[in-house]
Each structure stands twice: as structure tokens, then as C-alpha cells.
C-alpha atoms as a PDB file:
ATOM      1  CA  UNK A   1     292.964  47.283 129.147  1.00  0.00           C
ATOM      2  CA  UNK A   2     291.018  44.095 130.402  1.00  0.00           C
ATOM      3  CA  UNK A   3     288.141  44.756 132.821  1.00  0.00           C
ATOM      4  CA  UNK A   4     287.727  42.080 135.121  1.00  0.00           C
ATOM      5  CA  UNK A   5     285.855  41.274 138.328  1.00  0.00           C
ATOM      6  CA  UNK A   6     287.489  40.724 141.879  1.00  0.00           C
ATOM      7  CA  UNK A   7     285.218  37.694 143.544  1.00  0.00           C
ATOM      8  CA  UNK A   8     285.221  39.292 146.890  1.00  0.00           C
ATOM      9  CA  UNK A   9     282.989  42.276 145.807  1.00  0.00           C
ATOM     10  CA  UNK A  10     280.372  38.989 144.838  1.00  0.00           C
ATOM     11  CA  UNK A  11     281.352  37.239 148.019  1.00  0.00           C
ATOM     12  CA  UNK A  12     277.890  37.089 149.666  1.00  0.00           C
ATOM     13  CA  UNK A  13     276.995  34.627 146.926  1.00  0.00           C
ATOM     14  CA  UNK A  14     279.360  32.198 148.035  1.00  0.00           C
ATOM     15  CA  UNK A  15     278.299  32.241 151.698  1.00  0.00           C
ATOM     16  CA  UNK A  16     275.269  29.959 153.017  1.00  0.00           C
ATOM     17  CA  UNK A  17     272.082  31.392 153.879  1.00  0.00           C
ATOM     18  CA  UNK A  18     271.190  30.237 156.921  1.00  0.00           C
ATOM     19  CA  UNK A  19     270.312  26.436 156.639  1.00  0.00           C
ATOM     20  CA  UNK A  20     270.237  27.185 152.743  1.00  0.00           C
ATOM     21  CA  UNK A  21     273.273  26.664 150.306  1.00  0.00           C
ATOM     22  CA  UNK A  22     275.102  29.399 149.094  1.00  0.00           C
ATOM     23  CA  UNK A  23     273.754  30.395 145.796  1.00  0.00           C
ATOM     24  CA  UNK A  24     277.129  30.523 143.813  1.00  0.00           C
ATOM     25  CA  UNK A  25     279.645  27.959 144.477  1.00  0.00           C
ATOM     26  CA  UNK A  26     283.486  29.398 143.831  1.00  0.00           C
ATOM     27  CA  UNK A  27     283.546  26.211 140.628  1.00  0.00           C
ATOM     28  CA  UNK A  28     280.830  28.300 138.913  1.00  0.00           C
ATOM     29  CA  UNK A  29     282.170  31.788 139.766  1.00  0.00           C
ATOM     30  CA  UNK A  30     284.098  32.145 136.275  1.00  0.00           C
ATOM     31  CA  UNK A  31     280.909  31.244 134.361  1.00  0.00           C
ATOM     32  CA  UNK A  32     278.786  33.973 136.719  1.00  0.00           C
ATOM     33  CA  UNK A  33     281.250  36.612 135.963  1.00  0.00           C
ATOM     34  CA  UNK A  34     281.429  35.851 132.162  1.00  0.00           C
ATOM     35  CA  UNK A  35     277.531  35.365 131.457  1.00  0.00           C
ATOM     36  CA  UNK A  36     276.084  37.646 134.289  1.00  0.00           C
ATOM     37  CA  UNK A  37     278.549  40.363 134.700  1.00  0.00           C
ATOM     38  CA  UNK A  38     279.839  40.513 130.971  1.00  0.00           C
ATOM     39  CA  UNK A  39     283.467  40.513 131.866  1.00  0.00           C
ATOM     40  CA  UNK A  40     286.590  37.914 131.037  1.00  0.00           C
ATOM     41  CA  UNK A  41     288.801  37.591 133.894  1.00  0.00           C
ATOM     42  CA  UNK A  42     288.847  37.763 137.640  1.00  0.00           C
ATOM     43  CA  UNK A  43     290.752  38.396 140.700  1.00  0.00           C
ATOM     44  CA  UNK A  44     290.691  36.121 143.722  1.00  0.00           C
ATOM     45  CA  UNK A  45     291.351  36.827 147.664  1.00  0.00           C
ATOM     46  CA  UNK A  46     293.109  33.567 149.210  1.00  0.00           C
ATOM     47  CA  UNK A  47     290.488  33.958 152.263  1.00  0.00           C
ATOM     48  CA  UNK A  48     288.062  32.615 149.541  1.00  0.00           C
ATOM     49  CA  UNK A  49     290.388  29.467 149.279  1.00  0.00           C
ATOM     50  CA  UNK A  50     290.707  28.836 152.957  1.00  0.00           C
ATOM     51  CA  UNK A  51     291.307  24.733 152.869  1.00  0.00           C
ATOM     52  CA  UNK A  52     291.269  24.457 149.438  1.00  0.00           C
ATOM     53  CA  UNK A  53     293.241  21.259 148.154  1.00  0.00           C
ATOM     54  CA  UNK A  54     295.552  21.543 144.791  1.00  0.00           C
ATOM     55  CA  UNK A  55     292.678  19.750 143.283  1.00  0.00           C
ATOM     56  CA  UNK A  56     290.164  22.016 144.030  1.00  0.00           C
ATOM     57  CA  UNK A  57     292.561  24.682 142.581  1.00  0.00           C
ATOM     58  CA  UNK A  58     292.956  22.566 139.265  1.00  0.00           C
ATOM     59  CA  UNK A  59     289.257  21.894 139.144  1.00  0.00           C
ATOM     60  CA  UNK A  60     288.630  25.828 139.151  1.00  0.00           C
ATOM     61  CA  UNK A  61     291.316  26.530 137.132  1.00  0.00           C
ATOM     62  CA  UNK A  62     289.923  24.221 134.847  1.00  0.00           C
ATOM     63  CA  UNK A  63     286.155  25.508 134.884  1.00  0.00           C
ATOM     64  CA  UNK A  64     287.617  28.968 134.211  1.00  0.00           C
ATOM     65  CA  UNK A  65     289.435  28.219 131.329  1.00  0.00           C
ATOM     66  CA  UNK A  66     286.402  26.518 129.883  1.00  0.00           C
ATOM     67  CA  UNK A  67     284.200  29.645 130.805  1.00  0.00           C
ATOM     68  CA  UNK A  68     286.879  31.763 129.247  1.00  0.00           C
ATOM     69  CA  UNK A  69     286.810  33.778 132.426  1.00  0.00           C
ATOM     70  CA  UNK A  70     290.392  33.034 133.707  1.00  0.00           C
ATOM     71  CA  UNK A  71     291.598  33.509 137.203  1.00  0.00           C
ATOM     72  CA  UNK A  72     294.336  36.637 136.524  1.00  0.00           C
ATOM     73  CA  UNK A  73     295.492  37.844 140.091  1.00  0.00           C
ATOM     74  CA  UNK A  74     295.457  35.877 143.660  1.00  0.00           C
ATOM     75  CA  UNK A  75     295.915  38.544 146.207  1.00  0.00           C
ATOM     76  CA  UNK A  76     296.609  37.866 149.914  1.00  0.00           C
ATOM     77  CA  UNK A  77     294.670  40.285 152.295  1.00  0.00           C
ATOM     78  CA  UNK A  78     296.551  40.185 155.217  1.00  0.00           C
ATOM     79  CA  UNK A  79     299.316  42.432 155.383  1.00  0.00           C
ATOM     80  CA  UNK A  80     302.826  40.441 155.553  1.00  0.00           C
ATOM     81  CA  UNK A  81     305.526  41.272 158.210  1.00  0.00           C
ATOM     82  CA  UNK A  82     308.651  40.855 156.227  1.00  0.00           C
ATOM     83  CA  UNK A  83     310.745  43.120 157.990  1.00  0.00           C
ATOM     84  CA  UNK A  84     310.440  41.485 161.299  1.00  0.00           C
ATOM     85  CA  UNK A  85     313.229  39.517 162.937  1.00  0.00           C
ATOM     86  CA  UNK A  86     310.927  37.013 164.439  1.00  0.00           C
ATOM     87  CA  UNK A  87     308.279  36.835 161.945  1.00  0.00           C
ATOM     88  CA  UNK A  88     309.589  37.372 158.701  1.00  0.00           C
ATOM     89  CA  UNK A  89     310.479  33.574 158.192  1.00  0.00           C
ATOM     90  CA  UNK A  90     306.719  32.640 158.770  1.00  0.00           C
ATOM     91  CA  UNK A  91     305.726  35.535 156.581  1.00  0.00           C
ATOM     92  CA  UNK A  92     308.301  34.451 153.598  1.00  0.00           C
ATOM     93  CA  UNK A  93     306.418  30.926 153.839  1.00  0.00           C
ATOM     94  CA  UNK A  94     303.004  31.942 153.889  1.00  0.00           C
ATOM     95  CA  UNK A  95     304.118  34.546 150.589  1.00  0.00           C
ATOM     96  CA  UNK A  96     305.767  31.144 148.878  1.00  0.00           C
ATOM     97  CA  UNK A  97     302.228  29.452 149.492  1.00  0.00           C
ATOM     98  CA  UNK A  98     300.320  32.307 147.849  1.00  0.00           C
ATOM     99  CA  UNK A  99     302.850  32.102 144.803  1.00  0.00           C
ATOM    100  CA  UNK A 100     302.097  28.476 144.603  1.00  0.00           C
ATOM    101  CA  UNK A 101     298.632  28.675 144.922  1.00  0.00           C
ATOM    102  CA  UNK A 102     298.271  31.552 142.136  1.00  0.00           C
ATOM    103  CA  UNK A 103     300.476  28.933 139.942  1.00  0.00           C
ATOM    104  CA  UNK A 104     298.138  26.280 140.226  1.00  0.00           C
ATOM    105  CA  UNK A 105     294.939  28.507 139.670  1.00  0.00           C
ATOM    106  CA  UNK A 106     297.275  29.707 136.110  1.00  0.00           C
ATOM    107  CA  UNK A 107     297.234  33.238 137.271  1.00  0.00           C
ATOM    108  CA  UNK A 108     300.457  35.526 135.827  1.00  0.00           C
ATOM    109  CA  UNK A 109     300.247  37.818 138.889  1.00  0.00           C
ATOM    110  CA  UNK A 110     300.074  36.946 142.631  1.00  0.00           C
ATOM    111  CA  UNK A 111     299.954  40.220 145.271  1.00  0.00           C
ATOM    112  CA  UNK A 112     300.683  41.174 148.951  1.00  0.00           C
ATOM    113  CA  UNK A 113     301.098  44.177 151.196  1.00  0.00           C
ATOM    114  CA  UNK A 114     303.806  44.516 153.621  1.00  0.00           C
ATOM    115  CA  UNK A 115     303.624  45.154 157.154  1.00  0.00           C
ATOM    116  CA  UNK A 116     306.754  47.508 158.083  1.00  0.00           C
ATOM    117  CA  UNK A 117     307.850  50.871 159.443  1.00  0.00           C
ATOM    118  CA  UNK A 118     308.899  53.405 157.439  1.00  0.00           C
ATOM    119  CA  UNK A 119     312.905  53.237 158.042  1.00  0.00           C
ATOM    120  CA  UNK A 120     315.941  52.266 156.333  1.00  0.00           C
ATOM    121  CA  UNK A 121     316.279  48.951 158.674  1.00  0.00           C
ATOM    122  CA  UNK A 122     313.007  47.657 157.852  1.00  0.00           C
ATOM    123  CA  UNK A 123     313.834  48.631 154.100  1.00  0.00           C
ATOM    124  CA  UNK A 124     316.575  46.718 153.999  1.00  0.00           C
ATOM    125  CA  UNK A 125     315.056  43.839 155.811  1.00  0.00           C
ATOM    126  CA  UNK A 126     312.126  43.849 153.228  1.00  0.00           C
ATOM    127  CA  UNK A 127     314.108  43.609 150.408  1.00  0.00           C
ATOM    128  CA  UNK A 128     316.179  40.716 151.797  1.00  0.00           C
ATOM    129  CA  UNK A 129     312.700  38.970 152.102  1.00  0.00           C
ATOM    130  CA  UNK A 130     311.434  39.680 149.056  1.00  0.00           C
ATOM    131  CA  UNK A 131     314.614  38.647 147.279  1.00  0.00           C
ATOM    132  CA  UNK A 132     313.917  35.192 148.909  1.00  0.00           C
ATOM    133  CA  UNK A 133     310.306  34.841 147.718  1.00  0.00           C
ATOM    134  CA  UNK A 134     311.132  36.274 144.056  1.00  0.00           C
ATOM    135  CA  UNK A 135     313.186  32.993 143.810  1.00  0.00           C
ATOM    136  CA  UNK A 136     309.642  31.037 143.840  1.00  0.00           C
ATOM    137  CA  UNK A 137     307.972  33.389 141.370  1.00  0.00           C
ATOM    138  CA  UNK A 138     310.410  33.934 138.976  1.00  0.00           C
ATOM    139  CA  UNK A 139     310.425  30.043 138.758  1.00  0.00           C
ATOM    140  CA  UNK A 140     306.819  29.729 137.844  1.00  0.00           C
ATOM    141  CA  UNK A 141     307.068  32.656 135.446  1.00  0.00           C
ATOM    142  CA  UNK A 142     304.742  34.676 137.873  1.00  0.00           C
ATOM    143  CA  UNK A 143     304.685  38.428 138.565  1.00  0.00           C
ATOM    144  CA  UNK A 144     304.303  39.468 142.339  1.00  0.00           C
ATOM    145  CA  UNK A 145     303.026  42.613 143.122  1.00  0.00           C
ATOM    146  CA  UNK A 146     302.628  45.062 146.056  1.00  0.00           C
ATOM    147  CA  UNK A 147     299.648  46.789 146.959  1.00  0.00           C
ATOM    148  CA  UNK A 148     300.689  49.729 148.872  1.00  0.00           C
ATOM    149  CA  UNK A 149     299.509  50.570 152.647  1.00  0.00           C
ATOM    150  CA  UNK A 150     300.417  52.578 155.283  1.00  0.00           C
ATOM    151  CA  UNK A 151     304.185  52.413 156.513  1.00  0.00           C
ATOM    152  CA  UNK A 152     307.067  51.696 154.141  1.00  0.00           C
ATOM    153  CA  UNK A 153     305.073  51.341 151.110  1.00  0.00           C
ATOM    154  CA  UNK A 154     302.361  54.442 151.461  1.00  0.00           C
ATOM    155  CA  UNK A 155     304.135  56.907 149.452  1.00  0.00           C
ATOM    156  CA  UNK A 156     304.545  56.012 145.571  1.00  0.00           C
ATOM    157  CA  UNK A 157     308.527  56.923 145.597  1.00  0.00           C
ATOM    158  CA  UNK A 158     309.319  54.670 148.632  1.00  0.00           C
ATOM    159  CA  UNK A 159     307.888  51.799 146.520  1.00  0.00           C
ATOM    160  CA  UNK A 160     309.348  52.575 143.493  1.00  0.00           C
ATOM    161  CA  UNK A 161     312.737  52.668 145.374  1.00  0.00           C
ATOM    162  CA  UNK A 162     311.870  49.176 147.002  1.00  0.00           C
ATOM    163  CA  UNK A 163     311.236  47.329 143.489  1.00  0.00           C
ATOM    164  CA  UNK A 164     314.372  49.007 142.014  1.00  0.00           C
ATOM    165  CA  UNK A 165     316.229  47.728 145.106  1.00  0.00           C
ATOM    166  CA  UNK A 166     314.788  43.910 144.692  1.00  0.00           C
ATOM    167  CA  UNK A 167     315.438  43.944 141.038  1.00  0.00           C
ATOM    168  CA  UNK A 168     314.379  41.574 138.460  1.00  0.00           C
ATOM    169  CA  UNK A 169     311.435  42.010 136.078  1.00  0.00           C
ATOM    170  CA  UNK A 170     308.959  39.998 137.989  1.00  0.00           C
ATOM    171  CA  UNK A 171     308.360  42.305 141.176  1.00  0.00           C
ATOM    172  CA  UNK A 172     305.888  45.463 140.369  1.00  0.00           C
ATOM    173  CA  UNK A 173     302.932  47.212 142.154  1.00  0.00           C
ATOM    174  CA  UNK A 174     298.995  46.525 142.712  1.00  0.00           C
ATOM    175  CA  UNK A 175     297.599  50.371 142.835  1.00  0.00           C
ATOM    176  CA  UNK A 176     294.247  51.051 143.834  1.00  0.00           C
ATOM    177  CA  UNK A 177     291.806  53.811 143.678  1.00  0.00           C
ATOM    178  CA  UNK A 178     291.509  54.035 147.395  1.00  0.00           C
ATOM    179  CA  UNK A 179     294.647  54.313 148.332  1.00  0.00           C
ATOM    180  CA  UNK A 180     294.996  56.906 145.389  1.00  0.00           C
ATOM    181  CA  UNK A 181     292.325  58.760 146.371  1.00  0.00           C
ATOM    182  CA  UNK A 182     293.652  59.058 150.165  1.00  0.00           C
ATOM    183  CA  UNK A 183     297.056  60.419 148.971  1.00  0.00           C
ATOM    184  CA  UNK A 184     297.848  64.527 148.158  1.00  0.00           C
ATOM    185  CA  UNK A 185     297.568  63.781 144.479  1.00  0.00           C
ATOM    186  CA  UNK A 186     295.238  61.030 143.270  1.00  0.00           C
ATOM    187  CA  UNK A 187     296.613  61.348 139.847  1.00  0.00           C
ATOM    188  CA  UNK A 188     299.936  61.404 140.539  1.00  0.00           C
ATOM    189  CA  UNK A 189     299.885  58.683 142.471  1.00  0.00           C
ATOM    190  CA  UNK A 190     298.551  56.392 140.028  1.00  0.00           C
ATOM    191  CA  UNK A 191     300.858  57.758 137.391  1.00  0.00           C
ATOM    192  CA  UNK A 192     304.173  56.716 139.701  1.00  0.00           C
ATOM    193  CA  UNK A 193     302.815  53.339 140.552  1.00  0.00           C
ATOM    194  CA  UNK A 194     300.978  52.066 137.449  1.00  0.00           C
ATOM    195  CA  UNK A 195     303.785  51.654 135.119  1.00  0.00           C
ATOM    196  CA  UNK A 196     305.026  49.011 137.563  1.00  0.00           C
ATOM    197  CA  UNK A 197     301.811  47.351 137.632  1.00  0.00           C
ATOM    198  CA  UNK A 198     300.104  44.565 135.692  1.00  0.00           C
ATOM    199  CA  UNK A 199     296.853  44.745 137.263  1.00  0.00           C
ATOM    200  CA  UNK A 200     295.309  47.761 139.030  1.00  0.00           C
ATOM    201  CA  UNK A 201     292.680  47.538 141.625  1.00  0.00           C
ATOM    202  CA  UNK A 202     289.314  49.890 140.895  1.00  0.00           C
ATOM    203  CA  UNK A 203     287.971  50.189 143.951  1.00  0.00           C
ATOM    204  CA  UNK A 204     284.472  51.340 144.004  1.00  0.00           C
ATOM    205  CA  UNK A 205     281.680  52.084 146.656  1.00  0.00           C
ATOM    206  CA  UNK A 206     278.467  54.307 146.402  1.00  0.00           C
ATOM    207  CA  UNK A 207     276.509  54.938 143.048  1.00  0.00           C
ATOM    208  CA  UNK A 208     273.608  57.346 142.551  1.00  0.00           C
ATOM    209  CA  UNK A 209     271.467  57.092 139.490  1.00  0.00           C
ATOM    210  CA  UNK A 210     272.106  60.342 137.137  1.00  0.00           C
ATOM    211  CA  UNK A 211     269.005  62.487 137.316  1.00  0.00           C
ATOM    212  CA  UNK A 212     267.498  63.946 134.123  1.00  0.00           C
ATOM    213  CA  UNK A 213     268.596  67.934 132.963  1.00  0.00           C
ATOM    214  CA  UNK A 214     266.751  70.417 134.454  1.00  0.00           C
ATOM    215  CA  UNK A 215     267.054  72.525 131.011  1.00  0.00           C
ATOM    216  CA  UNK A 216     263.385  71.734 129.164  1.00  0.00           C
ATOM    217  CA  UNK A 217     264.242  73.437 125.990  1.00  0.00           C
ATOM    218  CA  UNK A 218     263.740  70.848 123.246  1.00  0.00           C
ATOM    219  CA  UNK A 219     266.585  69.646 120.939  1.00  0.00           C
ATOM    220  CA  UNK A 220     266.489  68.086 117.786  1.00  0.00           C
ATOM    221  CA  UNK A 221     265.100  64.727 117.050  1.00  0.00           C
ATOM    222  CA  UNK A 222     268.831  63.528 116.906  1.00  0.00           C
ATOM    223  CA  UNK A 223     269.450  64.905 120.410  1.00  0.00           C
ATOM    224  CA  UNK A 224     266.081  63.466 121.413  1.00  0.00           C
ATOM    225  CA  UNK A 225     266.700  59.971 120.147  1.00  0.00           C
ATOM    226  CA  UNK A 226     270.642  59.699 121.514  1.00  0.00           C
ATOM    227  CA  UNK A 227     269.486  60.398 124.884  1.00  0.00           C
ATOM    228  CA  UNK A 228     266.602  57.457 124.950  1.00  0.00           C
ATOM    229  CA  UNK A 229     269.100  55.277 123.427  1.00  0.00           C
ATOM    230  CA  UNK A 230     272.109  55.968 125.289  1.00  0.00           C
ATOM    231  CA  UNK A 231     271.348  56.741 128.708  1.00  0.00           C
ATOM    232  CA  UNK A 232     274.062  57.740 131.096  1.00  0.00           C
ATOM    233  CA  UNK A 233     276.445  55.703 133.206  1.00  0.00           C
ATOM    234  CA  UNK A 234     275.870  55.591 136.783  1.00  0.00           C
ATOM    235  CA  UNK A 235     277.647  57.961 138.991  1.00  0.00           C
ATOM    236  CA  UNK A 236     280.238  57.094 141.126  1.00  0.00           C
ATOM    237  CA  UNK A 237     279.245  59.399 144.274  1.00  0.00           C
ATOM    238  CA  UNK A 238     282.260  58.685 146.848  1.00  0.00           C
ATOM    239  CA  UNK A 239     285.119  60.060 144.343  1.00  0.00           C
ATOM    240  CA  UNK A 240     285.636  60.959 140.840  1.00  0.00           C
ATOM    241  CA  UNK A 241     286.731  58.174 138.844  1.00  0.00           C
ATOM    242  CA  UNK A 242     287.430  60.058 135.504  1.00  0.00           C
ATOM    243  CA  UNK A 243     290.705  61.401 136.992  1.00  0.00           C
ATOM    244  CA  UNK A 244     291.590  58.083 138.076  1.00  0.00           C
ATOM    245  CA  UNK A 245     291.124  56.507 134.955  1.00  0.00           C
ATOM    246  CA  UNK A 246     292.832  59.617 133.203  1.00  0.00           C
ATOM    247  CA  UNK A 247     296.041  58.501 135.091  1.00  0.00           C
ATOM    248  CA  UNK A 248     296.172  54.977 134.385  1.00  0.00           C
ATOM    249  CA  UNK A 249     295.482  55.653 130.505  1.00  0.00           C
ATOM    250  CA  UNK A 250     297.888  58.340 130.486  1.00  0.00           C
ATOM    251  CA  UNK A 251     300.748  55.784 131.092  1.00  0.00           C
ATOM    252  CA  UNK A 252     300.027  53.482 128.634  1.00  0.00           C
ATOM    253  CA  UNK A 253     298.660  50.874 130.618  1.00  0.00           C
ATOM    254  CA  UNK A 254     297.432  48.074 129.049  1.00  0.00           C
ATOM    255  CA  UNK A 255     297.184  45.146 131.873  1.00  0.00           C
ATOM    256  CA  UNK A 256     294.257  44.504 134.191  1.00  0.00           C
ATOM    257  CA  UNK A 257     291.750  46.843 135.572  1.00  0.00           C
ATOM    258  CA  UNK A 258     290.113  44.412 138.540  1.00  0.00           C
ATOM    259  CA  UNK A 259     286.749  45.903 139.833  1.00  0.00           C
ATOM    260  CA  UNK A 260     286.762  45.302 143.383  1.00  0.00           C
ATOM    261  CA  UNK A 261     283.127  47.001 144.616  1.00  0.00           C
ATOM    262  CA  UNK A 262     283.174  47.548 148.589  1.00  0.00           C
ATOM    263  CA  UNK A 263     280.076  49.478 148.746  1.00  0.00           C
ATOM    264  CA  UNK A 264     277.006  48.476 150.393  1.00  0.00           C
ATOM    265  CA  UNK A 265     273.820  46.777 148.691  1.00  0.00           C
ATOM    266  CA  UNK A 266     273.875  44.086 146.252  1.00  0.00           C
ATOM    267  CA  UNK A 267     277.526  43.378 145.080  1.00  0.00           C
ATOM    268  CA  UNK A 268     276.188  42.016 142.044  1.00  0.00           C
ATOM    269  CA  UNK A 269     274.588  45.434 141.531  1.00  0.00           C
ATOM    270  CA  UNK A 270     277.572  47.238 142.457  1.00  0.00           C
ATOM    271  CA  UNK A 271     279.954  45.572 140.032  1.00  0.00           C
ATOM    272  CA  UNK A 272     277.805  45.713 136.906  1.00  0.00           C
ATOM    273  CA  UNK A 273     277.309  49.655 138.047  1.00  0.00           C
ATOM    274  CA  UNK A 274     280.903  49.917 138.657  1.00  0.00           C
ATOM    275  CA  UNK A 275     281.509  48.137 135.034  1.00  0.00           C
ATOM    276  CA  UNK A 276     279.141  50.632 133.459  1.00  0.00           C
ATOM    277  CA  UNK A 277     280.382  53.713 135.239  1.00  0.00           C
ATOM    278  CA  UNK A 278     284.122  52.713 133.908  1.00  0.00           C
ATOM    279  CA  UNK A 279     283.223  52.178 130.278  1.00  0.00           C
ATOM    280  CA  UNK A 280     281.818  55.474 130.330  1.00  0.00           C
ATOM    281  CA  UNK A 281     284.620  57.227 131.850  1.00  0.00           C
ATOM    282  CA  UNK A 282     286.614  55.630 129.430  1.00  0.00           C
ATOM    283  CA  UNK A 283     284.334  56.813 126.820  1.00  0.00           C
ATOM    284  CA  UNK A 284     284.715  60.502 127.942  1.00  0.00           C
ATOM    285  CA  UNK A 285     288.294  60.141 128.031  1.00  0.00           C
ATOM    286  CA  UNK A 286     288.177  58.965 124.834  1.00  0.00           C
ATOM    287  CA  UNK A 287     285.901  62.008 123.504  1.00  0.00           C
END
């Protein structure tokens, strides 16, 4: 399982500071993620590419390849009305443009969410619309992932039924921790959707540094050395990430786990804390 960074987590670095230039350019982002955050891949959101020409995307792909931090996933944040009789054609055109951009970036996946009510008529219209966009995805050998949201794709069984109805090997899911936690059974939610995923969004929020133990009873010298040399990972306070990681691991997931830090404060610090918390959680599961 590859741990990567969602660039929107550090989007503040890409924004101008008054009259000052941004602290980070998009072209330099792959090297920053590799060298400063210690990760070897990234996920991009289309809103960070507004106005970017094909030449800009080619340059970004080249810089990412040279940095050893490829762009693996392109995410469209705006839900697409693929079930709408009036808006479906425009939505299909938008999804096709996202797929083409993902291809230029060298991504192996693009992700969308679907704006549709949960009824049979909407289900059938979404299937028809998705089959139309899958032609471009299959042509480019690119996976198109559905990021579940309220409405038609709120329930895992509904999403998997949709995928089976669309058919083919290039349509899948993009589960995320926030949606899992909002469900009735977070672990079961991820166990149902992760087998169809080539990427999972590890959405993270707030952290608190672990407090030292209250027990003053001296231990062995080995215990003391271990405590000093291997401090505990940051604690994610918004929800417990270990059960979520356990669910992802339990289905044999070997794809991309993309950190999507949405908390306050310094996004760079948030990503680093997220990385350390996830690595600590994985070590705890291994033990």
C-alpha cells in the first residue's frame, strides 16, 4: 500500500500572500512532497489546474516523474449531475475533460462524485451516462472512480450495484474516511467499497500530541530506551483511524492511501502528523 499526499492539503502554499508570490509553485509540488513530506506520489484536485493548458500538464507530469513523485489520481470536486435530463450532456463532457487531463498528467485514475437522487430512474440514467464516459477511460487505460456522497451513492450496496451494472474493469470506487465515519458501521462501509478501489482518501482533521503516561513506576533500562528513541505517533482526535486502517487492510488493499488533511493550522504539519499517525496505526495492526 502506497502512502501519498493530496495536494489540496497544502493548497495554502500555492496561493499568493498579498503582493508576495506563492511559497510553492505547482511545478515544484512533486519535489516538495517527495523531499519535505517523505512521500512518493500525489493526488491532484481539478480546481488547482484551472486554466492550465496541455503544455502545463505535460510539464507537471515531467517534473513529477523526475522528482519520483508521480501524480496518480486526479479528483473532480464538484458533483456531476449525470442523472439529469437537462444537464447530463454537459456533465459527461466535463467528466471526459477530467479523464483527458488525468491522461496528460500520467495518472492511473480519475475520480468523480455523482449528484443524483436515490431512485431507480436516476440509477438507470447514471448507468447510461457512465457507460458513455467509460469509453474514454478505457481508451486511455485509466480507472474512473466514484467517490460516494449523499443521494444515489450514499450506501455501499447501491454503489457496488451501480458499478456492476455499468460493467467493465475500469470503473471503481474512491472511499474516504469521512464518509465511512458518517455511516452506521465505518469498518463495514470500507470493507464493502475498498475491494473496488484503486485509491482510498485518508481524510484527516485534528491532532493532539500524546501525553506522557501517569505511571511513575520505573521500568527496565530497555523500556526507557525504547520510549526515548521511539516516541508515540500523533493522536488523531476527530476519530480513531486504527479501525479504518484495519478495514482497508483486511480486504487485501494494495493501492494508494492518499492523505487528505482537512484540519486547521499548517497544512504541511497536518500532512506530516497524518503520515506519522497512519504509519503508527499500521505498526499497531502489525503487532
